[in-house]
Amino acid sequence: MLTIHEEYVTDRAGERKAVLVPIAEWEQILEALEDVEDLRAYDEAKGAPSDPIPFEQAVREIKAGRRE
């Protein structure tokens, strides 16, 4: 679990308008968000029905896609 040491920027009425986070903690937040995105993509891929193809065929298709 991340520990965040945030500071709030407020307007004259005391309403929160922005938040400041130390850069090291911000980088941890970004990394955690990327991990969540990866997990969602994995779950989506696992849930999609597909027929397995031979490894060699997959490599050929990947290489063909790079040339386009």
C-alpha atoms as a PDB file:
ATOM      1  CA  MET A   1       0.000   0.000   0.000  1.00  0.00           C
ATOM      2  CA  LEU A   2       1.254   3.434  -0.911  1.00  0.00           C
ATOM      3  CA  THR A   3       1.637   6.100   1.725  1.00  0.00           C
ATOM      4  CA  ILE A   4       0.911   9.475   0.200  1.00  0.00           C
ATOM      5  CA  HIS A   5       2.039  12.743   1.755  1.00  0.00           C
ATOM      6  CA  GLU A   6      -0.231  15.107  -0.119  1.00  0.00           C
ATOM      7  CA  GLU A   7      -0.590  18.845   0.345  1.00  0.00           C
ATOM      8  CA  TYR A   8      -3.691  20.673  -0.814  1.00  0.00           C
ATOM      9  CA  VAL A   9      -3.839  23.989  -2.626  1.00  0.00           C
ATOM     10  CA  THR A  10      -6.909  25.922  -1.548  1.00  0.00           C
ATOM     11  CA  ASP A  11      -8.642  29.049  -2.738  1.00  0.00           C
ATOM     12  CA  ARG A  12      -9.434  32.026  -0.507  1.00  0.00           C
ATOM     13  CA  ALA A  13     -12.602  30.315   0.699  1.00  0.00           C
ATOM     14  CA  GLY A  14     -10.618  27.260   1.807  1.00  0.00           C
ATOM     15  CA  GLU A  15     -11.938  25.038  -1.012  1.00  0.00           C
ATOM     16  CA  ARG A  16      -9.450  22.448  -2.246  1.00  0.00           C
ATOM     17  CA  LYS A  17      -8.423  23.201  -5.838  1.00  0.00           C
ATOM     18  CA  ALA A  18      -5.308  21.065  -6.393  1.00  0.00           C
ATOM     19  CA  VAL A  19      -3.020  18.609  -4.691  1.00  0.00           C
ATOM     20  CA  LEU A  20       0.765  18.448  -4.449  1.00  0.00           C
ATOM     21  CA  VAL A  21       2.475  15.081  -4.127  1.00  0.00           C
ATOM     22  CA  PRO A  22       6.215  14.454  -3.782  1.00  0.00           C
ATOM     23  CA  ILE A  23       7.654  13.325  -7.120  1.00  0.00           C
ATOM     24  CA  ALA A  24       8.816   9.948  -5.786  1.00  0.00           C
ATOM     25  CA  GLU A  25       5.293   9.203  -4.583  1.00  0.00           C
ATOM     26  CA  TRP A  26       3.823  10.418  -7.899  1.00  0.00           C
ATOM     27  CA  GLU A  27       6.090   7.989  -9.756  1.00  0.00           C
ATOM     28  CA  GLN A  28       4.838   5.172  -7.506  1.00  0.00           C
ATOM     29  CA  ILE A  29       1.254   6.175  -8.287  1.00  0.00           C
ATOM     30  CA  LEU A  30       1.964   6.124 -12.032  1.00  0.00           C
ATOM     31  CA  GLU A  31       3.608   2.709 -11.756  1.00  0.00           C
ATOM     32  CA  ALA A  32       0.633   1.349  -9.827  1.00  0.00           C
ATOM     33  CA  LEU A  33      -1.757   2.712 -12.462  1.00  0.00           C
ATOM     34  CA  GLU A  34       0.263   1.039 -15.223  1.00  0.00           C
ATOM     35  CA  ASP A  35       0.076  -2.240 -13.302  1.00  0.00           C
ATOM     36  CA  VAL A  36      -3.706  -1.906 -13.070  1.00  0.00           C
ATOM     37  CA  GLU A  37      -3.922  -1.226 -16.812  1.00  0.00           C
ATOM     38  CA  ASP A  38      -1.799  -4.320 -17.492  1.00  0.00           C
ATOM     39  CA  LEU A  39      -4.056  -6.442 -15.281  1.00  0.00           C
ATOM     40  CA  ARG A  40      -7.174  -5.173 -17.033  1.00  0.00           C
ATOM     41  CA  ALA A  41      -5.675  -5.928 -20.442  1.00  0.00           C
ATOM     42  CA  TYR A  42      -4.685  -9.407 -19.259  1.00  0.00           C
ATOM     43  CA  ASP A  43      -8.159 -10.100 -17.865  1.00  0.00           C
ATOM     44  CA  GLU A  44      -9.733  -8.874 -21.102  1.00  0.00           C
ATOM     45  CA  ALA A  45      -7.445 -11.066 -23.195  1.00  0.00           C
ATOM     46  CA  LYS A  46      -8.092 -14.109 -21.019  1.00  0.00           C
ATOM     47  CA  GLY A  47     -11.840 -13.580 -21.308  1.00  0.00           C
ATOM     48  CA  ALA A  48     -11.840 -13.349 -25.093  1.00  0.00           C
ATOM     49  CA  PRO A  49     -12.411 -16.693 -26.794  1.00  0.00           C
ATOM     50  CA  SER A  50      -9.664 -17.637 -29.218  1.00  0.00           C
ATOM     51  CA  ASP A  51      -8.252 -20.682 -30.916  1.00  0.00           C
ATOM     52  CA  PRO A  52      -4.610 -21.482 -30.212  1.00  0.00           C
ATOM     53  CA  ILE A  53      -2.194 -21.237 -33.124  1.00  0.00           C
ATOM     54  CA  PRO A  54       1.268 -22.773 -33.488  1.00  0.00           C
ATOM     55  CA  PHE A  55       4.132 -20.656 -32.163  1.00  0.00           C
ATOM     56  CA  GLU A  56       5.820 -20.472 -35.573  1.00  0.00           C
ATOM     57  CA  GLN A  57       2.634 -19.104 -37.134  1.00  0.00           C
ATOM     58  CA  ALA A  58       2.351 -16.468 -34.414  1.00  0.00           C
ATOM     59  CA  VAL A  59       5.950 -15.361 -35.036  1.00  0.00           C
ATOM     60  CA  ARG A  60       5.305 -15.110 -38.799  1.00  0.00           C
ATOM     61  CA  GLU A  61       2.178 -13.017 -38.212  1.00  0.00           C
ATOM     62  CA  ILE A  62       3.979 -10.695 -35.810  1.00  0.00           C
ATOM     63  CA  LYS A  63       6.868 -10.202 -38.246  1.00  0.00           C
ATOM     64  CA  ALA A  64       4.467  -9.594 -41.123  1.00  0.00           C
ATOM     65  CA  GLY A  65       2.676  -6.929 -39.071  1.00  0.00           C
ATOM     66  CA  ARG A  66       5.919  -5.068 -38.415  1.00  0.00           C
ATOM     67  CA  ARG A  67       6.625  -4.662 -42.131  1.00  0.00           C
ATOM     68  CA  GLU A  68       3.297  -2.950 -42.828  1.00  0.00           C
END
